[in-house]
PDB file of N, CA and C in Angstrom:
ATOM      1  N   MET A   1     111.520 138.668 157.517  1.00  0.00           N
ATOM      2  CA  MET A   1     110.843 139.892 157.846  1.00  0.00           C
ATOM      3  C   MET A   1     109.371 139.581 158.029  1.00  0.00           C
ATOM      4  N   ASN A   2     108.800 139.972 159.132  1.00  0.00           N
ATOM      5  CA  ASN A   2     107.378 139.786 159.377  1.00  0.00           C
ATOM      6  C   ASN A   2     106.604 140.976 158.862  1.00  0.00           C
ATOM      7  N   ARG A   3     105.473 140.716 158.274  1.00  0.00           N
ATOM      8  CA  ARG A   3     104.593 141.775 157.809  1.00  0.00           C
ATOM      9  C   ARG A   3     103.273 141.664 158.549  1.00  0.00           C
ATOM     10  N   PHE A   4     102.629 142.778 158.698  1.00  0.00           N
ATOM     11  CA  PHE A   4     101.353 142.814 159.382  1.00  0.00           C
ATOM     12  C   PHE A   4     100.323 143.462 158.481  1.00  0.00           C
ATOM     13  N   THR A   5      99.110 142.948 158.519  1.00  0.00           N
ATOM     14  CA  THR A   5      98.046 143.532 157.720  1.00  0.00           C
ATOM     15  C   THR A   5      97.552 144.802 158.385  1.00  0.00           C
ATOM     16  N   ALA A   6      96.711 145.532 157.696  1.00  0.00           N
ATOM     17  CA  ALA A   6      96.209 146.814 158.203  1.00  0.00           C
ATOM     18  C   ALA A   6      95.488 146.664 159.533  1.00  0.00           C
ATOM     19  N   ASP A   7      94.880 145.485 159.784  1.00  0.00           N
ATOM     20  CA  ASP A   7      94.181 145.313 161.065  1.00  0.00           C
ATOM     21  C   ASP A   7      95.101 144.817 162.174  1.00  0.00           C
ATOM     22  N   GLY A   8      96.422 144.720 161.890  1.00  0.00           N
ATOM     23  CA  GLY A   8      97.392 144.368 162.913  1.00  0.00           C
ATOM     24  C   GLY A   8      97.682 142.899 163.044  1.00  0.00           C
ATOM     25  N   THR A   9      97.058 142.055 162.227  1.00  0.00           N
ATOM     26  CA  THR A   9      97.322 140.627 162.314  1.00  0.00           C
ATOM     27  C   THR A   9      98.503 140.262 161.427  1.00  0.00           C
ATOM     28  N   PRO A  10      99.274 139.250 161.827  1.00  0.00           N
ATOM     29  CA  PRO A  10     100.438 138.867 161.023  1.00  0.00           C
ATOM     30  C   PRO A  10     100.015 138.395 159.641  1.00  0.00           C
ATOM     31  N   GLY A  11     100.773 138.784 158.653  1.00  0.00           N
ATOM     32  CA  GLY A  11     100.533 138.349 157.291  1.00  0.00           C
ATOM     33  C   GLY A  11     101.656 137.451 156.837  1.00  0.00           C
ATOM     34  N   SER A  12     101.506 136.896 155.690  1.00  0.00           N
ATOM     35  CA  SER A  12     102.533 136.037 155.128  1.00  0.00           C
ATOM     36  C   SER A  12     103.713 136.876 154.670  1.00  0.00           C
ATOM     37  N   PRO A  13     104.962 136.413 154.897  1.00  0.00           N
ATOM     38  CA  PRO A  13     106.113 137.169 154.401  1.00  0.00           C
ATOM     39  C   PRO A  13     106.068 137.369 152.895  1.00  0.00           C
ATOM     40  N   ALA A  14     105.392 136.471 152.166  1.00  0.00           N
ATOM     41  CA  ALA A  14     105.307 136.580 150.722  1.00  0.00           C
ATOM     42  C   ALA A  14     104.005 137.241 150.285  1.00  0.00           C
ATOM     43  N   ALA A  15     103.249 137.805 151.209  1.00  0.00           N
ATOM     44  CA  ALA A  15     101.965 138.409 150.875  1.00  0.00           C
ATOM     45  C   ALA A  15     102.167 139.588 149.949  1.00  0.00           C
ATOM     46  N   PRO A  16     101.440 139.611 148.864  1.00  0.00           N
ATOM     47  CA  PRO A  16     101.603 140.716 147.931  1.00  0.00           C
ATOM     48  C   PRO A  16     100.999 141.992 148.490  1.00  0.00           C
ATOM     49  N   ALA A  17     101.675 143.100 148.235  1.00  0.00           N
ATOM     50  CA  ALA A  17     101.137 144.388 148.633  1.00  0.00           C
ATOM     51  C   ALA A  17     100.510 144.998 147.400  1.00  0.00           C
ATOM     52  N   GLY A  18      99.243 145.114 147.411  1.00  0.00           N
ATOM     53  CA  GLY A  18      98.564 145.646 146.240  1.00  0.00           C
ATOM     54  C   GLY A  18      97.203 146.161 146.621  1.00  0.00           C
ATOM     55  N   PRO A  19      96.376 146.456 145.630  1.00  0.00           N
ATOM     56  CA  PRO A  19      95.068 147.021 145.906  1.00  0.00           C
ATOM     57  C   PRO A  19      94.150 146.052 146.628  1.00  0.00           C
ATOM     58  N   GLU A  20      94.363 144.730 146.490  1.00  0.00           N
ATOM     59  CA  GLU A  20      93.484 143.753 147.118  1.00  0.00           C
ATOM     60  C   GLU A  20      93.692 143.674 148.625  1.00  0.00           C
ATOM     61  N   GLY A  21      94.919 143.760 149.058  1.00  0.00           N
ATOM     62  CA  GLY A  21      95.233 143.676 150.479  1.00  0.00           C
ATOM     63  C   GLY A  21      96.354 144.644 150.792  1.00  0.00           C
ATOM     64  N   SER A  22      96.298 145.207 151.947  1.00  0.00           N
ATOM     65  CA  SER A  22      97.335 146.177 152.278  1.00  0.00           C
ATOM     66  C   SER A  22      98.186 145.621 153.399  1.00  0.00           C
ATOM     67  N   THR A  23      99.467 145.794 153.289  1.00  0.00           N
ATOM     68  CA  THR A  23     100.378 145.373 154.341  1.00  0.00           C
ATOM     69  C   THR A  23     101.185 146.572 154.794  1.00  0.00           C
ATOM     70  N   THR A  24     101.583 146.549 156.043  1.00  0.00           N
ATOM     71  CA  THR A  24     102.369 147.629 156.618  1.00  0.00           C
ATOM     72  C   THR A  24     103.587 147.035 157.284  1.00  0.00           C
ATOM     73  N   LEU A  25     104.716 147.644 157.079  1.00  0.00           N
ATOM     74  CA  LEU A  25     105.944 147.208 157.720  1.00  0.00           C
ATOM     75  C   LEU A  25     106.127 148.021 158.983  1.00  0.00           C
ATOM     76  N   LEU A  26     106.216 147.359 160.115  1.00  0.00           N
ATOM     77  CA  LEU A  26     106.423 148.036 161.383  1.00  0.00           C
ATOM     78  C   LEU A  26     107.919 148.119 161.656  1.00  0.00           C
ATOM     79  N   GLU A  27     108.385 149.311 161.988  1.00  0.00           N
ATOM     80  CA  GLU A  27     109.793 149.489 162.285  1.00  0.00           C
ATOM     81  C   GLU A  27     109.947 149.947 163.717  1.00  0.00           C
ATOM     82  N   ARG A  28     111.045 149.559 164.331  1.00  0.00           N
ATOM     83  CA  ARG A  28     111.348 150.027 165.679  1.00  0.00           C
ATOM     84  C   ARG A  28     112.829 150.301 165.773  1.00  0.00           C
ATOM     85  N   GLU A  29     113.169 151.227 166.638  1.00  0.00           N
ATOM     86  CA  GLU A  29     114.571 151.584 166.806  1.00  0.00           C
ATOM     87  C   GLU A  29     115.291 150.476 167.550  1.00  0.00           C
ATOM     88  N   GLU A  30     116.406 150.057 167.014  1.00  0.00           N
ATOM     89  CA  GLU A  30     117.208 149.008 167.637  1.00  0.00           C
ATOM     90  C   GLU A  30     118.291 149.636 168.496  1.00  0.00           C
ATOM     91  N   THR A  31     118.405 149.181 169.710  1.00  0.00           N
ATOM     92  CA  THR A  31     119.508 149.595 170.562  1.00  0.00           C
ATOM     93  C   THR A  31     120.214 148.338 171.023  1.00  0.00           C
ATOM     94  N   SER A  32     121.496 148.383 171.017  1.00  0.00           N
ATOM     95  CA  SER A  32     122.245 147.230 171.484  1.00  0.00           C
ATOM     96  C   SER A  32     123.073 147.649 172.687  1.00  0.00           C
ATOM     97  N   GLU A  33     123.076 146.793 173.658  1.00  0.00           N
ATOM     98  CA  GLU A  33     123.820 147.065 174.880  1.00  0.00           C
ATOM     99  C   GLU A  33     125.286 146.736 174.664  1.00  0.00           C
ATOM    100  N   ASP A  34     126.148 147.650 175.071  1.00  0.00           N
ATOM    101  CA  ASP A  34     127.583 147.438 174.948  1.00  0.00           C
ATOM    102  C   ASP A  34     128.018 146.508 176.069  1.00  0.00           C
ATOM    103  N   SER A  35     128.459 145.326 175.709  1.00  0.00           N
ATOM    104  CA  SER A  35     128.853 144.356 176.729  1.00  0.00           C
ATOM    105  C   SER A  35     130.366 144.201 176.807  1.00  0.00           C
ATOM    106  N   SER A  36     131.079 145.184 176.265  1.00  0.00           N
ATOM    107  CA  SER A  36     132.540 145.060 176.261  1.00  0.00           C
ATOM    108  C   SER A  36     133.090 145.164 177.678  1.00  0.00           C
ATOM    109  N   GLU A  37     133.824 144.187 178.065  1.00  0.00           N
ATOM    110  CA  GLU A  37     134.418 144.176 179.396  1.00  0.00           C
ATOM    111  C   GLU A  37     135.673 145.035 179.438  1.00  0.00           C
ATOM    112  N   GLY A  38     136.186 145.446 178.272  1.00  0.00           N
ATOM    113  CA  GLY A  38     137.403 146.232 178.215  1.00  0.00           C
ATOM    114  C   GLY A  38     137.199 147.684 178.626  1.00  0.00           C
ATOM    115  N   ASP A  39     135.955 148.164 178.656  1.00  0.00           N
ATOM    116  CA  ASP A  39     135.669 149.544 179.019  1.00  0.00           C
ATOM    117  C   ASP A  39     135.664 149.656 180.545  1.00  0.00           C
ATOM    118  N   ARG A  40     136.688 150.235 181.065  1.00  0.00           N
ATOM    119  CA  ARG A  40     136.805 150.374 182.520  1.00  0.00           C
ATOM    120  C   ARG A  40     136.747 151.835 182.926  1.00  0.00           C
ATOM    121  N   PHE A  41     135.662 152.505 182.528  1.00  0.00           N
ATOM    122  CA  PHE A  41     135.461 153.903 182.872  1.00  0.00           C
ATOM    123  C   PHE A  41     134.150 154.061 183.626  1.00  0.00           C
ATOM    124  N   ALA A  42     134.085 155.106 184.433  1.00  0.00           N
ATOM    125  CA  ALA A  42     132.831 155.521 185.052  1.00  0.00           C
ATOM    126  C   ALA A  42     132.223 156.554 184.106  1.00  0.00           C
ATOM    127  N   HIS A  43     130.955 156.392 183.776  1.00  0.00           N
ATOM    128  CA  HIS A  43     130.293 157.271 182.823  1.00  0.00           C
ATOM    129  C   HIS A  43     129.271 158.142 183.535  1.00  0.00           C
ATOM    130  N   TYR A  44     128.986 159.308 182.940  1.00  0.00           N
ATOM    131  CA  TYR A  44     127.987 160.210 183.491  1.00  0.00           C
ATOM    132  C   TYR A  44     126.599 159.855 182.965  1.00  0.00           C
ATOM    133  N   VAL A  45     125.677 159.609 183.910  1.00  0.00           N
ATOM    134  CA  VAL A  45     124.279 159.305 183.615  1.00  0.00           C
ATOM    135  C   VAL A  45     123.448 160.004 184.681  1.00  0.00           C
ATOM    136  N   ARG A  46     122.253 160.465 184.329  1.00  0.00           N
ATOM    137  CA  ARG A  46     121.391 161.118 185.317  1.00  0.00           C
ATOM    138  C   ARG A  46     121.073 160.154 186.459  1.00  0.00           C
ATOM    139  N   LYS A  47     121.079 160.680 187.699  1.00  0.00           N
ATOM    140  CA  LYS A  47     120.867 159.841 188.878  1.00  0.00           C
ATOM    141  C   LYS A  47     119.537 159.113 188.844  1.00  0.00           C
ATOM    142  N   ASP A  48     118.475 159.787 188.372  1.00  0.00           N
ATOM    143  CA  ASP A  48     117.170 159.132 188.334  1.00  0.00           C
ATOM    144  C   ASP A  48     117.163 157.947 187.366  1.00  0.00           C
ATOM    145  N   ARG A  49     117.970 158.020 186.312  1.00  0.00           N
ATOM    146  CA  ARG A  49     118.044 156.902 185.367  1.00  0.00           C
ATOM    147  C   ARG A  49     118.816 155.724 185.959  1.00  0.00           C
ATOM    148  N   ILE A  50     119.830 156.029 186.781  1.00  0.00           N
ATOM    149  CA  ILE A  50     120.569 154.962 187.460  1.00  0.00           C
ATOM    150  C   ILE A  50     119.636 154.236 188.430  1.00  0.00           C
ATOM    151  N   ALA A  51     118.855 155.000 189.184  1.00  0.00           N
ATOM    152  CA  ALA A  51     117.914 154.400 190.142  1.00  0.00           C
ATOM    153  C   ALA A  51     116.871 153.552 189.416  1.00  0.00           C
ATOM    154  N   ALA A  52     116.368 154.051 188.294  1.00  0.00           N
ATOM    155  CA  ALA A  52     115.385 153.292 187.525  1.00  0.00           C
ATOM    156  C   ALA A  52     116.004 152.013 186.965  1.00  0.00           C
ATOM    157  N   SER A  53     117.253 152.089 186.535  1.00  0.00           N
ATOM    158  CA  SER A  53     117.938 150.917 186.012  1.00  0.00           C
ATOM    159  C   SER A  53     118.144 149.872 187.102  1.00  0.00           C
ATOM    160  N   ALA A  54     118.472 150.340 188.299  1.00  0.00           N
ATOM    161  CA  ALA A  54     118.668 149.407 189.416  1.00  0.00           C
ATOM    162  C   ALA A  54     117.374 148.674 189.742  1.00  0.00           C
ATOM    163  N   ALA A  55     116.252 149.371 189.618  1.00  0.00           N
ATOM    164  CA  ALA A  55     114.959 148.758 189.926  1.00  0.00           C
ATOM    165  C   ALA A  55     114.473 147.839 188.809  1.00  0.00           C
ATOM    166  N   SER A  56     114.710 148.238 187.555  1.00  0.00           N
ATOM    167  CA  SER A  56     114.139 147.498 186.433  1.00  0.00           C
ATOM    168  C   SER A  56     115.127 146.568 185.726  1.00  0.00           C
ATOM    169  N   GLY A  57     116.429 146.852 185.868  1.00  0.00           N
ATOM    170  CA  GLY A  57     117.431 146.061 185.159  1.00  0.00           C
ATOM    171  C   GLY A  57     117.621 146.492 183.713  1.00  0.00           C
ATOM    172  N   ARG A  58     116.969 147.588 183.315  1.00  0.00           N
ATOM    173  CA  ARG A  58     117.097 148.087 181.948  1.00  0.00           C
ATOM    174  C   ARG A  58     118.385 148.889 181.787  1.00  0.00           C
ATOM    175  N   PRO A  59     118.972 148.878 180.605  1.00  0.00           N
ATOM    176  CA  PRO A  59     120.218 149.623 180.380  1.00  0.00           C
ATOM    177  C   PRO A  59     120.009 151.136 180.397  1.00  0.00           C
ATOM    178  N   VAL A  60     121.100 151.857 180.591  1.00  0.00           N
ATOM    179  CA  VAL A  60     121.112 153.319 180.590  1.00  0.00           C
ATOM    180  C   VAL A  60     122.012 153.797 179.461  1.00  0.00           C
ATOM    181  N   VAL A  61     121.895 155.096 179.127  1.00  0.00           N
ATOM    182  CA  VAL A  61     122.728 155.695 178.089  1.00  0.00           C
ATOM    183  C   VAL A  61     123.530 156.819 178.729  1.00  0.00           C
ATOM    184  N   ALA A  62     124.851 156.750 178.614  1.00  0.00           N
ATOM    185  CA  ALA A  62     125.741 157.772 179.161  1.00  0.00           C
ATOM    186  C   ALA A  62     125.788 158.976 178.232  1.00  0.00           C
ATOM    187  N   LEU A  63     126.369 160.066 178.712  1.00  0.00           N
ATOM    188  CA  LEU A  63     126.531 161.260 177.882  1.00  0.00           C
ATOM    189  C   LEU A  63     127.289 160.956 176.596  1.00  0.00           C
ATOM    190  N   CYS A  64     128.262 160.065 176.662  1.00  0.00           N
ATOM    191  CA  CYS A  64     129.083 159.739 175.494  1.00  0.00           C
ATOM    192  C   CYS A  64     128.372 158.798 174.526  1.00  0.00           C
ATOM    193  N   GLY A  65     127.211 158.280 174.912  1.00  0.00           N
ATOM    194  CA  GLY A  65     126.455 157.385 174.046  1.00  0.00           C
ATOM    195  C   GLY A  65     126.570 155.916 174.398  1.00  0.00           C
ATOM    196  N   LYS A  66     127.416 155.570 175.342  1.00  0.00           N
ATOM    197  CA  LYS A  66     127.559 154.167 175.743  1.00  0.00           C
ATOM    198  C   LYS A  66     126.259 153.677 176.373  1.00  0.00           C
ATOM    199  N   VAL A  67     125.820 152.494 175.970  1.00  0.00           N
ATOM    200  CA  VAL A  67     124.608 151.874 176.502  1.00  0.00           C
ATOM    201  C   VAL A  67     125.036 150.631 177.272  1.00  0.00           C
ATOM    202  N   TRP A  68     124.647 150.552 178.541  1.00  0.00           N
ATOM    203  CA  TRP A  68     125.008 149.393 179.364  1.00  0.00           C
ATOM    204  C   TRP A  68     124.109 149.339 180.596  1.00  0.00           C
ATOM    205  N   THR A  69     124.176 148.221 181.280  1.00  0.00           N
ATOM    206  CA  THR A  69     123.455 148.057 182.540  1.00  0.00           C
ATOM    207  C   THR A  69     124.475 148.184 183.662  1.00  0.00           C
ATOM    208  N   PRO A  70     124.361 149.236 184.495  1.00  0.00           N
ATOM    209  CA  PRO A  70     125.347 149.448 185.566  1.00  0.00           C
ATOM    210  C   PRO A  70     125.299 148.314 186.591  1.00  0.00           C
ATOM    211  N   ARG A  71     126.485 147.784 186.881  1.00  0.00           N
ATOM    212  CA  ARG A  71     126.570 146.701 187.869  1.00  0.00           C
ATOM    213  C   ARG A  71     127.749 146.867 188.812  1.00  0.00           C
ATOM    214  N   ARG A  72     128.674 147.768 188.477  1.00  0.00           N
ATOM    215  CA  ARG A  72     129.890 147.914 189.281  1.00  0.00           C
ATOM    216  C   ARG A  72     129.918 149.267 189.968  1.00  0.00           C
ATOM    217  N   ASP A  73     130.752 149.371 190.986  1.00  0.00           N
ATOM    218  CA  ASP A  73     130.935 150.622 191.716  1.00  0.00           C
ATOM    219  C   ASP A  73     131.736 151.586 190.852  1.00  0.00           C
ATOM    220  N   PRO A  74     131.148 152.699 190.405  1.00  0.00           N
ATOM    221  CA  PRO A  74     131.854 153.607 189.510  1.00  0.00           C
ATOM    222  C   PRO A  74     133.019 154.340 190.165  1.00  0.00           C
ATOM    223  N   SER A  75     133.044 154.403 191.486  1.00  0.00           N
ATOM    224  CA  SER A  75     134.135 155.110 192.162  1.00  0.00           C
ATOM    225  C   SER A  75     135.471 154.382 192.010  1.00  0.00           C
ATOM    226  N   ARG A  76     135.438 153.144 191.553  1.00  0.00           N
ATOM    227  CA  ARG A  76     136.669 152.366 191.378  1.00  0.00           C
ATOM    228  C   ARG A  76     137.319 152.594 190.019  1.00  0.00           C
ATOM    229  N   TYR A  77     136.684 153.395 189.142  1.00  0.00           N
ATOM    230  CA  TYR A  77     137.173 153.578 187.787  1.00  0.00           C
ATOM    231  C   TYR A  77     137.371 155.056 187.469  1.00  0.00           C
ATOM    232  N   PRO A  78     138.278 155.372 186.542  1.00  0.00           N
ATOM    233  CA  PRO A  78     138.431 156.768 186.122  1.00  0.00           C
ATOM    234  C   PRO A  78     137.224 157.205 185.293  1.00  0.00           C
ATOM    235  N   VAL A  79     136.974 158.511 185.268  1.00  0.00           N
ATOM    236  CA  VAL A  79     135.847 159.046 184.516  1.00  0.00           C
ATOM    237  C   VAL A  79     136.131 158.955 183.020  1.00  0.00           C
ATOM    238  N   CYS A  80     135.125 158.580 182.269  1.00  0.00           N
ATOM    239  CA  CYS A  80     135.226 158.500 180.806  1.00  0.00           C
ATOM    240  C   CYS A  80     135.616 159.864 180.254  1.00  0.00           C
ATOM    241  N   PRO A  81     136.692 159.948 179.471  1.00  0.00           N
ATOM    242  CA  PRO A  81     137.129 161.241 178.936  1.00  0.00           C
ATOM    243  C   PRO A  81     136.069 161.919 178.063  1.00  0.00           C
ATOM    244  N   ALA A  82     135.337 161.151 177.264  1.00  0.00           N
ATOM    245  CA  ALA A  82     134.303 161.734 176.400  1.00  0.00           C
ATOM    246  C   ALA A  82     133.159 162.303 177.237  1.00  0.00           C
ATOM    247  N   CYS A  83     132.714 161.561 178.256  1.00  0.00           N
ATOM    248  CA  CYS A  83     131.647 162.048 179.141  1.00  0.00           C
ATOM    249  C   CYS A  83     132.088 163.326 179.856  1.00  0.00           C
ATOM    250  N   LYS A  84     133.332 163.335 180.317  1.00  0.00           N
ATOM    251  CA  LYS A  84     133.864 164.484 181.044  1.00  0.00           C
ATOM    252  C   LYS A  84     133.893 165.723 180.147  1.00  0.00           C
ATOM    253  N   GLU A  85     134.343 165.559 178.909  1.00  0.00           N
ATOM    254  CA  GLU A  85     134.415 166.677 177.965  1.00  0.00           C
ATOM    255  C   GLU A  85     133.014 167.220 177.656  1.00  0.00           C
ATOM    256  N   ILE A  86     132.063 166.326 177.444  1.00  0.00           N
ATOM    257  CA  ILE A  86     130.692 166.750 177.149  1.00  0.00           C
ATOM    258  C   ILE A  86     130.089 167.487 178.330  1.00  0.00           C
ATOM    259  N   LEU A  87     130.275 166.970 179.545  1.00  0.00           N
ATOM    260  CA  LEU A  87     129.727 167.612 180.730  1.00  0.00           C
ATOM    261  C   LEU A  87     130.336 169.001 180.941  1.00  0.00           C
ATOM    262  N   GLU A  88     131.643 169.122 180.735  1.00  0.00           N
ATOM    263  CA  GLU A  88     132.299 170.429 180.899  1.00  0.00           C
ATOM    264  C   GLU A  88     131.781 171.433 179.882  1.00  0.00           C
ATOM    265  N   SER A  89     131.564 170.993 178.648  1.00  0.00           N
ATOM    266  CA  SER A  89     131.057 171.926 177.630  1.00  0.00           C
ATOM    267  C   SER A  89     129.607 172.325 177.934  1.00  0.00           C
ATOM    268  N   LEU A  90     128.821 171.403 178.488  1.00  0.00           N
ATOM    269  CA  LEU A  90     127.443 171.751 178.861  1.00  0.00           C
ATOM    270  C   LEU A  90     127.418 172.735 180.025  1.00  0.00           C
ATOM    271  N   ARG A  91     128.298 172.546 180.969  1.00  0.00           N
ATOM    272  CA  ARG A  91     128.371 173.471 182.111  1.00  0.00           C
ATOM    273  C   ARG A  91     128.836 174.856 181.683  1.00  0.00           C
ATOM    274  N   ALA A  92     129.679 174.904 180.650  1.00  0.00           N
ATOM    275  CA  ALA A  92     130.186 176.182 180.146  1.00  0.00           C
ATOM    276  C   ALA A  92     129.152 176.866 179.251  1.00  0.00           C
ATOM    277  N   GLY A  93     128.080 176.168 178.943  1.00  0.00           N
ATOM    278  CA  GLY A  93     127.025 176.753 178.129  1.00  0.00           C
ATOM    279  C   GLY A  93     127.224 176.574 176.649  1.00  0.00           C
ATOM    280  N   GLY A  94     128.206 175.788 176.276  1.00  0.00           N
ATOM    281  CA  GLY A  94     128.473 175.557 174.861  1.00  0.00           C
ATOM    282  C   GLY A  94     127.949 174.220 174.419  1.00  0.00           C
ATOM    283  N   ALA A  95     127.972 174.003 173.142  1.00  0.00           N
ATOM    284  CA  ALA A  95     127.575 172.725 172.578  1.00  0.00           C
ATOM    285  C   ALA A  95     128.775 171.799 172.558  1.00  0.00           C
ATOM    286  N   PRO A  96     128.553 170.484 172.736  1.00  0.00           N
ATOM    287  CA  PRO A  96     129.671 169.531 172.679  1.00  0.00           C
ATOM    288  C   PRO A  96     130.315 169.566 171.301  1.00  0.00           C
ATOM    289  N   SER A  97     131.644 169.432 171.292  1.00  0.00           N
ATOM    290  CA  SER A  97     132.339 169.459 170.002  1.00  0.00           C
ATOM    291  C   SER A  97     132.625 168.078 169.490  1.00  0.00           C
TER     292      SER A  97
END
């Protein structure tokens, strides 16, 4: 675990946290890309996010929560049942169940 001092410089992992010196632990949200090849569904994602992903190569997040980098033609696969259910409930004005 890396620690950083109050001025943002790296500190020693064994640096004591006390009145003499202050250390801060920086946290960031971890996202992992789903690389499972077994998922053969087309997922619902906003069109602008697909375009941004194509330009940047960054992963997208589907309605069902799947995180991946689109590379295949989605018209060749059936629609993800979870994405479909969520989209239908949003169109009906209800909350996803």
